[in-house]
PDB file of all heavy atoms in Angstrom:
ATOM      1  N   PRO A   1       0.818  -1.227   0.000  1.00  0.00           N
ATOM      2  CA  PRO A   1       0.000   0.000   0.000  1.00  0.00           C
ATOM      3  C   PRO A   1       0.838   1.256   0.000  1.00  0.00           C
ATOM      4  O   PRO A   1       0.378   2.307  -0.436  1.00  0.00           O
ATOM      5  CB  PRO A   1      -0.808  -0.141   1.305  1.00  0.00           C
ATOM      6  CG  PRO A   1       0.031  -1.024   2.175  1.00  0.00           C
ATOM      7  CD  PRO A   1       0.697  -1.982   1.264  1.00  0.00           C
ATOM      8  N   GLU A   2       2.106   1.132   0.489  1.00  0.00           N
ATOM      9  CA  GLU A   2       2.934   2.356   0.557  1.00  0.00           C
ATOM     10  C   GLU A   2       3.612   2.666  -0.762  1.00  0.00           C
ATOM     11  O   GLU A   2       4.139   3.755  -0.964  1.00  0.00           O
ATOM     12  CB  GLU A   2       3.986   2.195   1.662  1.00  0.00           C
ATOM     13  CG  GLU A   2       5.092   1.194   1.354  1.00  0.00           C
ATOM     14  CD  GLU A   2       4.643  -0.262   1.531  1.00  0.00           C
ATOM     15  OE1 GLU A   2       3.483  -0.473   1.938  1.00  0.00           O
ATOM     16  OE2 GLU A   2       5.455  -1.168   1.261  1.00  0.00           O
ATOM     17  N   GLU A   3       3.611   1.694  -1.695  1.00  0.00           N
ATOM     18  CA  GLU A   3       4.242   1.927  -2.983  1.00  0.00           C
ATOM     19  C   GLU A   3       3.326   2.731  -3.890  1.00  0.00           C
ATOM     20  O   GLU A   3       2.127   2.857  -3.642  1.00  0.00           O
ATOM     21  CB  GLU A   3       4.583   0.581  -3.644  1.00  0.00           C
ATOM     22  CG  GLU A   3       5.519  -0.293  -2.823  1.00  0.00           C
ATOM     23  CD  GLU A   3       6.914   0.287  -2.722  1.00  0.00           C
ATOM     24  OE1 GLU A   3       7.286   1.067  -3.622  1.00  0.00           O
ATOM     25  OE2 GLU A   3       7.614  -0.033  -1.748  1.00  0.00           O
ATOM     26  N   GLU A   4       3.886   3.232  -4.954  1.00  0.00           N
ATOM     27  CA  GLU A   4       3.094   4.004  -5.913  1.00  0.00           C
ATOM     28  C   GLU A   4       2.389   3.054  -6.876  1.00  0.00           C
ATOM     29  O   GLU A   4       2.742   2.937  -8.038  1.00  0.00           O
ATOM     30  CB  GLU A   4       3.988   4.986  -6.668  1.00  0.00           C
ATOM     31  CG  GLU A   4       4.566   6.082  -5.782  1.00  0.00           C
ATOM     32  CD  GLU A   4       5.373   7.097  -6.588  1.00  0.00           C
ATOM     33  OE1 GLU A   4       5.437   6.947  -7.819  1.00  0.00           O
ATOM     34  OE2 GLU A   4       5.927   8.022  -5.980  1.00  0.00           O
ATOM     35  N   ILE A   5       1.396   2.355  -6.338  1.00  0.00           N
ATOM     36  CA  ILE A   5       0.616   1.424  -7.145  1.00  0.00           C
ATOM     37  C   ILE A   5      -0.783   1.985  -7.261  1.00  0.00           C
ATOM     38  O   ILE A   5      -1.390   2.397  -6.279  1.00  0.00           O
ATOM     39  CB  ILE A   5       0.581   0.036  -6.480  1.00  0.00           C
ATOM     40  CG1 ILE A   5       2.012  -0.533  -6.380  1.00  0.00           C
ATOM     41  CG2 ILE A   5      -0.302  -0.926  -7.256  1.00  0.00           C
ATOM     42  CD1 ILE A   5       2.089  -1.847  -5.653  1.00  0.00           C
ATOM     43  N   ASP A   6      -1.272   2.032  -8.451  1.00  0.00           N
ATOM     44  CA  ASP A   6      -2.619   2.552  -8.661  1.00  0.00           C
ATOM     45  C   ASP A   6      -3.614   1.780  -7.806  1.00  0.00           C
ATOM     46  O   ASP A   6      -3.518   0.572  -7.648  1.00  0.00           O
ATOM     47  CB  ASP A   6      -3.014   2.446 -10.137  1.00  0.00           C
ATOM     48  CG  ASP A   6      -2.187   3.374 -10.995  1.00  0.00           C
ATOM     49  OD1 ASP A   6      -1.664   4.369 -10.460  1.00  0.00           O
ATOM     50  OD2 ASP A   6      -2.074   3.077 -12.194  1.00  0.00           O
ATOM     51  N   ALA A   7      -4.581   2.473  -7.252  1.00  0.00           N
ATOM     52  CA  ALA A   7      -5.643   1.824  -6.483  1.00  0.00           C
ATOM     53  C   ALA A   7      -6.418   0.863  -7.387  1.00  0.00           C
ATOM     54  O   ALA A   7      -6.484   1.040  -8.606  1.00  0.00           O
ATOM     55  CB  ALA A   7      -6.574   2.874  -5.898  1.00  0.00           C
ATOM     56  N   LEU A   8      -6.955  -0.145  -6.760  1.00  0.00           N
ATOM     57  CA  LEU A   8      -7.719  -1.139  -7.506  1.00  0.00           C
ATOM     58  C   LEU A   8      -8.871  -0.473  -8.241  1.00  0.00           C
ATOM     59  O   LEU A   8      -9.703   0.195  -7.644  1.00  0.00           O
ATOM     60  CB  LEU A   8      -8.266  -2.190  -6.532  1.00  0.00           C
ATOM     61  CG  LEU A   8      -9.140  -3.296  -7.119  1.00  0.00           C
ATOM     62  CD1 LEU A   8      -8.328  -4.124  -8.101  1.00  0.00           C
ATOM     63  CD2 LEU A   8      -9.697  -4.176  -6.013  1.00  0.00           C
ATOM     64  N   ASP A   9      -8.882  -0.638  -9.556  1.00  0.00           N
ATOM     65  CA  ASP A   9      -9.954  -0.080 -10.369  1.00  0.00           C
ATOM     66  C   ASP A   9     -11.181  -0.968 -10.199  1.00  0.00           C
ATOM     67  O   ASP A   9     -11.252  -2.064 -10.737  1.00  0.00           O
ATOM     68  CB  ASP A   9      -9.517  -0.048 -11.837  1.00  0.00           C
ATOM     69  CG  ASP A   9     -10.570   0.587 -12.737  1.00  0.00           C
ATOM     70  OD1 ASP A   9     -11.734   0.709 -12.322  1.00  0.00           O
ATOM     71  OD2 ASP A   9     -10.214   0.943 -13.861  1.00  0.00           O
ATOM     72  N   ARG A  10     -12.140  -0.498  -9.398  1.00  0.00           N
ATOM     73  CA  ARG A  10     -13.278  -1.339  -9.062  1.00  0.00           C
ATOM     74  C   ARG A  10     -14.098  -1.721 -10.286  1.00  0.00           C
ATOM     75  O   ARG A  10     -14.616  -2.826 -10.387  1.00  0.00           O
ATOM     76  CB  ARG A  10     -14.163  -0.646  -8.022  1.00  0.00           C
ATOM     77  CG  ARG A  10     -13.584  -0.683  -6.616  1.00  0.00           C
ATOM     78  CD  ARG A  10     -14.617  -0.291  -5.580  1.00  0.00           C
ATOM     79  NE  ARG A  10     -14.066  -0.432  -4.244  1.00  0.00           N
ATOM     80  CZ  ARG A  10     -13.345   0.501  -3.630  1.00  0.00           C
ATOM     81  NH1 ARG A  10     -13.107   1.638  -4.236  1.00  0.00           N
ATOM     82  NH2 ARG A  10     -12.877   0.303  -2.420  1.00  0.00           N
ATOM     83  N   GLU A  11     -14.231  -0.792 -11.231  1.00  0.00           N
ATOM     84  CA  GLU A  11     -15.033  -1.114 -12.410  1.00  0.00           C
ATOM     85  C   GLU A  11     -14.352  -2.184 -13.255  1.00  0.00           C
ATOM     86  O   GLU A  11     -14.992  -3.103 -13.768  1.00  0.00           O
ATOM     87  CB  GLU A  11     -15.273   0.146 -13.235  1.00  0.00           C
ATOM     88  CG  GLU A  11     -16.387   0.017 -14.268  1.00  0.00           C
ATOM     89  CD  GLU A  11     -17.714  -0.389 -13.626  1.00  0.00           C
ATOM     90  OE1 GLU A  11     -18.049   0.131 -12.544  1.00  0.00           O
ATOM     91  OE2 GLU A  11     -18.403  -1.244 -14.218  1.00  0.00           O
ATOM     92  N   ASN A  12     -13.037  -2.077 -13.369  1.00  0.00           N
ATOM     93  CA  ASN A  12     -12.274  -3.084 -14.088  1.00  0.00           C
ATOM     94  C   ASN A  12     -12.375  -4.433 -13.387  1.00  0.00           C
ATOM     95  O   ASN A  12     -12.572  -5.476 -14.021  1.00  0.00           O
ATOM     96  CB  ASN A  12     -10.804  -2.649 -14.186  1.00  0.00           C
ATOM     97  CG  ASN A  12      -9.963  -3.663 -14.947  1.00  0.00           C
ATOM     98  OD1 ASN A  12     -10.436  -4.333 -15.855  1.00  0.00           O
ATOM     99  ND2 ASN A  12      -8.709  -3.786 -14.556  1.00  0.00           N
ATOM    100  N   ALA A  13     -12.261  -4.402 -12.054  1.00  0.00           N
ATOM    101  CA  ALA A  13     -12.374  -5.639 -11.290  1.00  0.00           C
ATOM    102  C   ALA A  13     -13.763  -6.233 -11.421  1.00  0.00           C
ATOM    103  O   ALA A  13     -13.925  -7.453 -11.526  1.00  0.00           O
ATOM    104  CB  ALA A  13     -12.049  -5.375  -9.823  1.00  0.00           C
ATOM    105  N   ARG A  14     -14.785  -5.382 -11.424  1.00  0.00           N
ATOM    106  CA  ARG A  14     -16.149  -5.868 -11.546  1.00  0.00           C
ATOM    107  C   ARG A  14     -16.360  -6.544 -12.906  1.00  0.00           C
ATOM    108  O   ARG A  14     -17.011  -7.583 -13.013  1.00  0.00           O
ATOM    109  CB  ARG A  14     -17.131  -4.710 -11.368  1.00  0.00           C
ATOM    110  CG  ARG A  14     -18.571  -5.162 -11.102  1.00  0.00           C
ATOM    111  CD  ARG A  14     -19.475  -3.957 -10.910  1.00  0.00           C
ATOM    112  NE  ARG A  14     -19.035  -3.112  -9.829  1.00  0.00           N
ATOM    113  CZ  ARG A  14     -19.315  -3.343  -8.538  1.00  0.00           C
ATOM    114  NH1 ARG A  14     -20.019  -4.416  -8.202  1.00  0.00           N
ATOM    115  NH2 ARG A  14     -18.896  -2.520  -7.611  1.00  0.00           N
ATOM    116  N   THR A  15     -15.773  -5.953 -13.955  1.00  0.00           N
ATOM    117  CA  THR A  15     -15.886  -6.537 -15.291  1.00  0.00           C
ATOM    118  C   THR A  15     -15.190  -7.887 -15.351  1.00  0.00           C
ATOM    119  O   THR A  15     -15.732  -8.872 -15.880  1.00  0.00           O
ATOM    120  CB  THR A  15     -15.291  -5.588 -16.339  1.00  0.00           C
ATOM    121  OG1 THR A  15     -15.987  -4.342 -16.307  1.00  0.00           O
ATOM    122  CG2 THR A  15     -15.379  -6.193 -17.730  1.00  0.00           C
ATOM    123  N   ARG A  16     -13.967  -7.944 -14.797  1.00  0.00           N
ATOM    124  CA  ARG A  16     -13.224  -9.209 -14.769  1.00  0.00           C
ATOM    125  C   ARG A  16     -13.990 -10.278 -13.984  1.00  0.00           C
ATOM    126  O   ARG A  16     -14.068 -11.438 -14.388  1.00  0.00           O
ATOM    127  CB  ARG A  16     -11.849  -8.996 -14.128  1.00  0.00           C
ATOM    128  CG  ARG A  16     -10.855  -8.210 -14.979  1.00  0.00           C
ATOM    129  CD  ARG A  16      -9.612  -7.902 -14.147  1.00  0.00           C
ATOM    130  NE  ARG A  16      -8.618  -7.164 -14.896  1.00  0.00           N
ATOM    131  CZ  ARG A  16      -7.496  -7.705 -15.385  1.00  0.00           C
ATOM    132  NH1 ARG A  16      -7.268  -8.995 -15.225  1.00  0.00           N
ATOM    133  NH2 ARG A  16      -6.627  -6.969 -16.040  1.00  0.00           N
ATOM    134  N   LEU A  17     -14.561  -9.857 -12.859  1.00  0.00           N
ATOM    135  CA  LEU A  17     -15.289 -10.791 -12.018  1.00  0.00           C
ATOM    136  C   LEU A  17     -16.534 -11.322 -12.733  1.00  0.00           C
ATOM    137  O   LEU A  17     -16.858 -12.512 -12.651  1.00  0.00           O
ATOM    138  CB  LEU A  17     -15.673 -10.116 -10.703  1.00  0.00           C
ATOM    139  CG  LEU A  17     -16.266 -11.013  -9.620  1.00  0.00           C
ATOM    140  CD1 LEU A  17     -15.294 -12.125  -9.248  1.00  0.00           C
ATOM    141  CD2 LEU A  17     -16.628 -10.192  -8.385  1.00  0.00           C
ATOM    142  N   ALA A  18     -17.221 -10.455 -13.446  1.00  0.00           N
ATOM    143  CA  ALA A  18     -18.414 -10.878 -14.189  1.00  0.00           C
ATOM    144  C   ALA A  18     -18.040 -11.878 -15.275  1.00  0.00           C
ATOM    145  O   ALA A  18     -18.755 -12.872 -15.497  1.00  0.00           O
ATOM    146  CB  ALA A  18     -19.104  -9.659 -14.799  1.00  0.00           C
ATOM    147  N   GLN A  19     -16.919 -11.657 -15.954  1.00  0.00           N
ATOM    148  CA  GLN A  19     -16.465 -12.592 -16.972  1.00  0.00           C
ATOM    149  C   GLN A  19     -16.114 -13.949 -16.354  1.00  0.00           C
ATOM    150  O   GLN A  19     -16.422 -15.012 -16.915  1.00  0.00           O
ATOM    151  CB  GLN A  19     -15.256 -12.023 -17.710  1.00  0.00           C
ATOM    152  CG  GLN A  19     -15.590 -10.806 -18.571  1.00  0.00           C
ATOM    153  CD  GLN A  19     -14.342 -10.153 -19.150  1.00  0.00           C
ATOM    154  OE1 GLN A  19     -13.220 -10.404 -18.687  1.00  0.00           O
ATOM    155  NE2 GLN A  19     -14.530  -9.302 -20.158  1.00  0.00           N
ATOM    156  N   LEU A  20     -15.483 -13.899 -15.179  1.00  0.00           N
ATOM    157  CA  LEU A  20     -15.124 -15.125 -14.482  1.00  0.00           C
ATOM    158  C   LEU A  20     -16.367 -15.921 -14.089  1.00  0.00           C
ATOM    159  O   LEU A  20     -16.444 -17.137 -14.302  1.00  0.00           O
ATOM    160  CB  LEU A  20     -14.327 -14.790 -13.226  1.00  0.00           C
ATOM    161  CG  LEU A  20     -12.812 -14.956 -13.289  1.00  0.00           C
ATOM    162  CD1 LEU A  20     -12.179 -14.405 -12.028  1.00  0.00           C
ATOM    163  CD2 LEU A  20     -12.448 -16.419 -13.462  1.00  0.00           C
ATOM    164  N   ARG A  21     -17.342 -15.220 -13.522  1.00  0.00           N
ATOM    165  CA  ARG A  21     -18.563 -15.905 -13.094  1.00  0.00           C
ATOM    166  C   ARG A  21     -19.290 -16.529 -14.284  1.00  0.00           C
ATOM    167  O   ARG A  21     -19.789 -17.656 -14.186  1.00  0.00           O
ATOM    168  CB  ARG A  21     -19.478 -14.918 -12.359  1.00  0.00           C
ATOM    169  CG  ARG A  21     -18.946 -14.445 -11.017  1.00  0.00           C
ATOM    170  CD  ARG A  21     -19.985 -13.630 -10.273  1.00  0.00           C
ATOM    171  NE  ARG A  21     -21.141 -14.445  -9.935  1.00  0.00           N
ATOM    172  CZ  ARG A  21     -22.259 -13.964  -9.387  1.00  0.00           C
ATOM    173  NH1 ARG A  21     -22.349 -12.668  -9.127  1.00  0.00           N
ATOM    174  NH2 ARG A  21     -23.263 -14.768  -9.108  1.00  0.00           N
ATOM    175  N   ALA A  22     -19.323 -15.815 -15.386  1.00  0.00           N
ATOM    176  CA  ALA A  22     -19.974 -16.362 -16.581  1.00  0.00           C
ATOM    177  C   ALA A  22     -19.225 -17.596 -17.083  1.00  0.00           C
ATOM    178  O   ALA A  22     -19.839 -18.591 -17.495  1.00  0.00           O
ATOM    179  CB  ALA A  22     -20.039 -15.296 -17.673  1.00  0.00           C
ATOM    180  N   GLY A  23     -17.895 -17.547 -17.038  1.00  0.00           N
ATOM    181  CA  GLY A  23     -17.103 -18.701 -17.479  1.00  0.00           C
ATOM    182  C   GLY A  23     -17.294 -19.911 -16.594  1.00  0.00           C
ATOM    183  O   GLY A  23     -17.397 -21.045 -17.076  1.00  0.00           O
ATOM    184  N   VAL A  24     -17.353 -19.684 -15.275  1.00  0.00           N
ATOM    185  CA  VAL A  24     -17.571 -20.795 -14.344  1.00  0.00           C
ATOM    186  C   VAL A  24     -18.970 -21.381 -14.539  1.00  0.00           C
ATOM    187  O   VAL A  24     -19.150 -22.597 -14.545  1.00  0.00           O
ATOM    188  CB  VAL A  24     -17.368 -20.327 -12.892  1.00  0.00           C
ATOM    189  CG1 VAL A  24     -17.851 -21.387 -11.902  1.00  0.00           C
ATOM    190  CG2 VAL A  24     -15.893 -20.016 -12.641  1.00  0.00           C
ATOM    191  N   ASP A  25     -19.964 -20.508 -14.720  1.00  0.00           N
ATOM    192  CA  ASP A  25     -21.339 -20.987 -14.935  1.00  0.00           C
ATOM    193  C   ASP A  25     -21.435 -21.824 -16.210  1.00  0.00           C
ATOM    194  O   ASP A  25     -22.116 -22.860 -16.239  1.00  0.00           O
ATOM    195  CB  ASP A  25     -22.306 -19.805 -15.015  1.00  0.00           C
ATOM    196  CG  ASP A  25     -22.518 -19.134 -13.667  1.00  0.00           C
ATOM    197  OD1 ASP A  25     -22.152 -19.737 -12.641  1.00  0.00           O
ATOM    198  OD2 ASP A  25     -23.030 -17.996 -13.643  1.00  0.00           O
ATOM    199  N   GLU A  26     -20.756 -21.379 -17.262  1.00  0.00           N
ATOM    200  CA  GLU A  26     -20.793 -22.129 -18.520  1.00  0.00           C
ATOM    201  C   GLU A  26     -20.114 -23.493 -18.358  1.00  0.00           C
ATOM    202  O   GLU A  26     -20.617 -24.511 -18.832  1.00  0.00           O
ATOM    203  CB  GLU A  26     -20.106 -21.341 -19.629  1.00  0.00           C
ATOM    204  CG  GLU A  26     -20.133 -22.065 -20.974  1.00  0.00           C
ATOM    205  CD  GLU A  26     -19.353 -21.331 -22.060  1.00  0.00           C
ATOM    206  OE1 GLU A  26     -18.841 -20.228 -21.792  1.00  0.00           O
ATOM    207  OE2 GLU A  26     -19.260 -21.881 -23.175  1.00  0.00           O
ATOM    208  N   ALA A  27     -18.963 -23.504 -17.683  1.00  0.00           N
ATOM    209  CA  ALA A  27     -18.263 -24.775 -17.457  1.00  0.00           C
ATOM    210  C   ALA A  27     -19.119 -25.724 -16.619  1.00  0.00           C
ATOM    211  O   ALA A  27     -19.159 -26.928 -16.877  1.00  0.00           O
ATOM    212  CB  ALA A  27     -16.927 -24.521 -16.770  1.00  0.00           C
ATOM    213  N   LEU A  28     -19.816 -25.180 -15.615  1.00  0.00           N
ATOM    214  CA  LEU A  28     -20.680 -26.002 -14.777  1.00  0.00           C
ATOM    215  C   LEU A  28     -21.828 -26.589 -15.585  1.00  0.00           C
ATOM    216  O   LEU A  28     -22.172 -27.771 -15.438  1.00  0.00           O
ATOM    217  CB  LEU A  28     -21.203 -25.170 -13.614  1.00  0.00           C
ATOM    218  CG  LEU A  28     -22.130 -25.876 -12.617  1.00  0.00           C
ATOM    219  CD1 LEU A  28     -21.435 -27.086 -12.004  1.00  0.00           C
ATOM    220  CD2 LEU A  28     -22.577 -24.906 -11.532  1.00  0.00           C
ATOM    221  N   GLU A  29     -22.410 -25.791 -16.457  1.00  0.00           N
ATOM    222  CA  GLU A  29     -23.518 -26.274 -17.276  1.00  0.00           C
ATOM    223  C   GLU A  29     -23.053 -27.372 -18.234  1.00  0.00           C
ATOM    224  O   GLU A  29     -23.722 -28.397 -18.399  1.00  0.00           O
ATOM    225  CB  GLU A  29     -24.137 -25.114 -18.051  1.00  0.00           C
ATOM    226  CG  GLU A  29     -25.284 -25.502 -18.975  1.00  0.00           C
ATOM    227  CD  GLU A  29     -26.444 -26.162 -18.244  1.00  0.00           C
ATOM    228  OE1 GLU A  29     -26.653 -25.861 -17.049  1.00  0.00           O
ATOM    229  OE2 GLU A  29     -27.137 -27.000 -18.859  1.00  0.00           O
ATOM    230  N   ARG A  30     -21.892 -27.160 -18.856  1.00  0.00           N
ATOM    231  CA  ARG A  30     -21.362 -28.184 -19.757  1.00  0.00           C
ATOM    232  C   ARG A  30     -21.016 -29.463 -18.986  1.00  0.00           C
ATOM    233  O   ARG A  30     -21.194 -30.573 -19.484  1.00  0.00           O
ATOM    234  CB  ARG A  30     -20.131 -27.657 -20.487  1.00  0.00           C
ATOM    235  CG  ARG A  30     -20.450 -26.544 -21.473  1.00  0.00           C
ATOM    236  CD  ARG A  30     -19.181 -25.907 -22.041  1.00  0.00           C
ATOM    237  NE  ARG A  30     -18.471 -26.802 -22.918  1.00  0.00           N
ATOM    238  CZ  ARG A  30     -17.314 -26.488 -23.523  1.00  0.00           C
ATOM    239  NH1 ARG A  30     -16.769 -25.297 -23.319  1.00  0.00           N
ATOM    240  NH2 ARG A  30     -16.724 -27.351 -24.319  1.00  0.00           N
ATOM    241  N   GLY A  31     -20.539 -29.280 -17.757  1.00  0.00           N
ATOM    242  CA  GLY A  31     -20.229 -30.436 -16.932  1.00  0.00           C
ATOM    243  C   GLY A  31     -21.472 -31.205 -16.528  1.00  0.00           C
ATOM    244  O   GLY A  31     -21.479 -32.435 -16.523  1.00  0.00           O
ATOM    245  N   ARG A  32     -22.536 -30.487 -16.188  1.00  0.00           N
ATOM    246  CA  ARG A  32     -23.782 -31.152 -15.803  1.00  0.00           C
ATOM    247  C   ARG A  32     -24.361 -31.937 -16.969  1.00  0.00           C
ATOM    248  O   ARG A  32     -24.879 -33.045 -16.791  1.00  0.00           O
ATOM    249  CB  ARG A  32     -24.784 -30.109 -15.308  1.00  0.00           C
ATOM    250  CG  ARG A  32     -24.518 -29.625 -13.892  1.00  0.00           C
ATOM    251  CD  ARG A  32     -25.442 -28.504 -13.507  1.00  0.00           C
ATOM    252  NE  ARG A  32     -25.250 -28.107 -12.119  1.00  0.00           N
ATOM    253  CZ  ARG A  32     -25.613 -26.936 -11.611  1.00  0.00           C
ATOM    254  NH1 ARG A  32     -26.199 -26.036 -12.400  1.00  0.00           N
ATOM    255  NH2 ARG A  32     -25.410 -26.671 -10.341  1.00  0.00           N
ATOM    256  N   ARG A  33     -24.280 -31.355 -18.170  1.00  0.00           N
ATOM    257  CA  ARG A  33     -24.798 -32.082 -19.338  1.00  0.00           C
ATOM    258  C   ARG A  33     -24.003 -33.351 -19.567  1.00  0.00           C
ATOM    259  O   ARG A  33     -24.552 -34.391 -19.920  1.00  0.00           O
ATOM    260  CB  ARG A  33     -24.741 -31.198 -20.588  1.00  0.00           C
ATOM    261  CG  ARG A  33     -25.732 -30.054 -20.600  1.00  0.00           C
ATOM    262  CD  ARG A  33     -25.976 -29.565 -22.015  1.00  0.00           C
ATOM    263  NE  ARG A  33     -24.763 -29.208 -22.718  1.00  0.00           N
ATOM    264  CZ  ARG A  33     -24.248 -27.986 -22.767  1.00  0.00           C
ATOM    265  NH1 ARG A  33     -24.857 -26.996 -22.137  1.00  0.00           N
ATOM    266  NH2 ARG A  33     -23.148 -27.735 -23.443  1.00  0.00           N
ATOM    267  N   GLY A  34     -22.700 -33.270 -19.386  1.00  0.00           N
ATOM    268  CA  GLY A  34     -21.857 -34.426 -19.660  1.00  0.00           C
ATOM    269  C   GLY A  34     -21.866 -35.470 -18.562  1.00  0.00           C
ATOM    270  O   GLY A  34     -21.563 -36.637 -18.818  1.00  0.00           O
ATOM    271  N   SER A  35     -22.224 -35.063 -17.330  1.00  0.00           N
ATOM    272  CA  SER A  35     -22.172 -36.026 -16.229  1.00  0.00           C
ATOM    273  C   SER A  35     -23.141 -37.178 -16.442  1.00  0.00           C
ATOM    274  O   SER A  35     -22.899 -38.301 -15.978  1.00  0.00           O
ATOM    275  CB  SER A  35     -22.470 -35.328 -14.896  1.00  0.00           C
ATOM    276  OG  SER A  35     -23.798 -34.849 -14.858  1.00  0.00           O
ATOM    277  N   VAL A  36     -24.237 -36.908 -17.151  1.00  0.00           N
ATOM    278  CA  VAL A  36     -25.212 -37.976 -17.399  1.00  0.00           C
ATOM    279  C   VAL A  36     -24.631 -39.055 -18.305  1.00  0.00           C
ATOM    280  O   VAL A  36     -25.075 -40.202 -18.285  1.00  0.00           O
ATOM    281  CB  VAL A  36     -26.513 -37.390 -17.995  1.00  0.00           C
ATOM    282  CG1 VAL A  36     -26.315 -36.965 -19.448  1.00  0.00           C
ATOM    283  CG2 VAL A  36     -27.652 -38.390 -17.899  1.00  0.00           C
ATOM    284  N   LEU A  37     -23.607 -38.715 -19.088  1.00  0.00           N
ATOM    285  CA  LEU A  37     -22.964 -39.714 -19.945  1.00  0.00           C
ATOM    286  C   LEU A  37     -22.192 -40.735 -19.114  1.00  0.00           C
ATOM    287  O   LEU A  37     -21.967 -41.861 -19.549  1.00  0.00           O
ATOM    288  CB  LEU A  37     -22.019 -39.032 -20.934  1.00  0.00           C
ATOM    289  CG  LEU A  37     -22.669 -38.127 -21.971  1.00  0.00           C
ATOM    290  CD1 LEU A  37     -21.609 -37.412 -22.792  1.00  0.00           C
ATOM    291  CD2 LEU A  37     -23.594 -38.917 -22.878  1.00  0.00           C
ATOM    292  N   ARG A  38     -21.756 -40.349 -17.907  1.00  0.00           N
ATOM    293  CA  ARG A  38     -21.036 -41.277 -17.038  1.00  0.00           C
ATOM    294  C   ARG A  38     -21.987 -42.219 -16.328  1.00  0.00           C
ATOM    295  O   ARG A  38     -21.801 -43.432 -16.320  1.00  0.00           O
ATOM    296  CB  ARG A  38     -20.240 -40.511 -15.975  1.00  0.00           C
ATOM    297  CG  ARG A  38     -19.053 -39.722 -16.493  1.00  0.00           C
ATOM    298  CD  ARG A  38     -18.195 -39.229 -15.341  1.00  0.00           C
ATOM    299  NE  ARG A  38     -17.602 -40.348 -14.631  1.00  0.00           N
ATOM    300  CZ  ARG A  38     -17.992 -40.739 -13.420  1.00  0.00           C
ATOM    301  NH1 ARG A  38     -18.970 -40.138 -12.797  1.00  0.00           N
ATOM    302  NH2 ARG A  38     -17.403 -41.764 -12.838  1.00  0.00           N
ATOM    303  N   THR A  39     -22.996 -41.642 -15.680  1.00  0.00           N
ATOM    304  CA  THR A  39     -23.848 -42.437 -14.805  1.00  0.00           C
ATOM    305  C   THR A  39     -25.080 -42.990 -15.502  1.00  0.00           C
ATOM    306  O   THR A  39     -25.665 -43.977 -15.054  1.00  0.00           O
ATOM    307  CB  THR A  39     -24.299 -41.596 -13.608  1.00  0.00           C
ATOM    308  OG1 THR A  39     -25.038 -40.451 -14.084  1.00  0.00           O
ATOM    309  CG2 THR A  39     -23.093 -41.093 -12.830  1.00  0.00           C
TER     310      THR A  39
END
């Protein structure tokens, strides 16, 4: 915090986080569809 580092850009972080959540949701959905092929 004492270094000259730009403060966390909340809007940028929010955008990154939204992309992450969408990616995890998509992977989960694809996984659920495929799990029925196992069992």
